Amino acid sequence: MAKKAVATLQTGNSGRNHTKCIKMVKSPKTGAFIFQEEIVENDKVKEFFA
């Protein structure tokens, strides 16, 4: 399923405009760190990490 999602992003030029971002966030319930993954446009990468 992941291969299919990646393949659909790479059709045409639109695939090069996106970046997979992973940031570590502290869980409010347990206090443990979790990873938040999202595919965002290159222009909005700094907003994702802010």
C-alpha atoms as a PDB file:
ATOM      1  CA  MET A   1       0.000   0.000   0.000  1.00  0.00           C
ATOM      2  CA  ALA A   2       2.838   2.399   0.761  1.00  0.00           C
ATOM      3  CA  LYS A   3       4.451   1.691  -2.601  1.00  0.00           C
ATOM      4  CA  LYS A   4       1.207   2.623  -4.327  1.00  0.00           C
ATOM      5  CA  ALA A   5       1.000   5.935  -2.419  1.00  0.00           C
ATOM      6  CA  VAL A   6       4.608   6.811  -3.292  1.00  0.00           C
ATOM      7  CA  ALA A   7       4.060   5.888  -6.933  1.00  0.00           C
ATOM      8  CA  THR A   8       1.051   8.190  -7.189  1.00  0.00           C
ATOM      9  CA  LEU A   9       3.073  11.098  -5.784  1.00  0.00           C
ATOM     10  CA  GLN A  10       5.788  10.654  -8.395  1.00  0.00           C
ATOM     11  CA  THR A  11       3.533  11.003 -11.453  1.00  0.00           C
ATOM     12  CA  GLY A  12       4.347  14.181 -13.349  1.00  0.00           C
ATOM     13  CA  ASN A  13       6.195  17.075 -11.741  1.00  0.00           C
ATOM     14  CA  SER A  14       3.996  17.239  -8.644  1.00  0.00           C
ATOM     15  CA  GLY A  15       6.030  14.558  -6.825  1.00  0.00           C
ATOM     16  CA  ARG A  16       9.068  16.793  -6.565  1.00  0.00           C
ATOM     17  CA  ASN A  17       7.026  19.508  -4.843  1.00  0.00           C
ATOM     18  CA  HIS A  18       6.335  17.361  -1.765  1.00  0.00           C
ATOM     19  CA  THR A  19       8.523  16.273   1.132  1.00  0.00           C
ATOM     20  CA  LYS A  20       7.904  13.666   3.826  1.00  0.00           C
ATOM     21  CA  CYS A  21       8.504  15.342   7.184  1.00  0.00           C
ATOM     22  CA  ILE A  22       8.936  13.511  10.470  1.00  0.00           C
ATOM     23  CA  LYS A  23       9.021  15.352  13.793  1.00  0.00           C
ATOM     24  CA  MET A  24       9.216  14.116  17.356  1.00  0.00           C
ATOM     25  CA  VAL A  25       6.402  15.302  19.638  1.00  0.00           C
ATOM     26  CA  LYS A  26       5.939  14.679  23.348  1.00  0.00           C
ATOM     27  CA  SER A  27       2.660  12.965  24.173  1.00  0.00           C
ATOM     28  CA  PRO A  28       0.548  14.933  26.666  1.00  0.00           C
ATOM     29  CA  LYS A  29      -0.938  11.742  28.194  1.00  0.00           C
ATOM     30  CA  THR A  30       2.114   9.571  28.848  1.00  0.00           C
ATOM     31  CA  GLY A  31       5.005  11.978  28.430  1.00  0.00           C
ATOM     32  CA  ALA A  32       6.652   9.632  25.931  1.00  0.00           C
ATOM     33  CA  PHE A  33       7.901  10.878  22.590  1.00  0.00           C
ATOM     34  CA  ILE A  34       5.986   9.957  19.447  1.00  0.00           C
ATOM     35  CA  PHE A  35       6.774  10.566  15.800  1.00  0.00           C
ATOM     36  CA  GLN A  36       4.401  12.614  13.661  1.00  0.00           C
ATOM     37  CA  GLU A  37       4.772  11.974   9.915  1.00  0.00           C
ATOM     38  CA  GLU A  38       3.189  14.030   7.172  1.00  0.00           C
ATOM     39  CA  ILE A  39       3.725  14.700   3.480  1.00  0.00           C
ATOM     40  CA  VAL A  40       3.771  18.466   2.928  1.00  0.00           C
ATOM     41  CA  GLU A  41       4.614  20.795   0.078  1.00  0.00           C
ATOM     42  CA  ASN A  42       8.154  22.165  -0.031  1.00  0.00           C
ATOM     43  CA  ASP A  43       6.890  25.687   0.654  1.00  0.00           C
ATOM     44  CA  LYS A  44       5.204  24.651   3.913  1.00  0.00           C
ATOM     45  CA  VAL A  45       8.012  22.613   5.515  1.00  0.00           C
ATOM     46  CA  LYS A  46       9.009  25.379   7.959  1.00  0.00           C
ATOM     47  CA  GLU A  47       5.354  25.818   8.995  1.00  0.00           C
ATOM     48  CA  PHE A  48       5.140  22.101   9.782  1.00  0.00           C
ATOM     49  CA  PHE A  49       8.139  22.260  12.123  1.00  0.00           C
ATOM     50  CA  ALA A  50       7.095  25.576  13.738  1.00  0.00           C
END
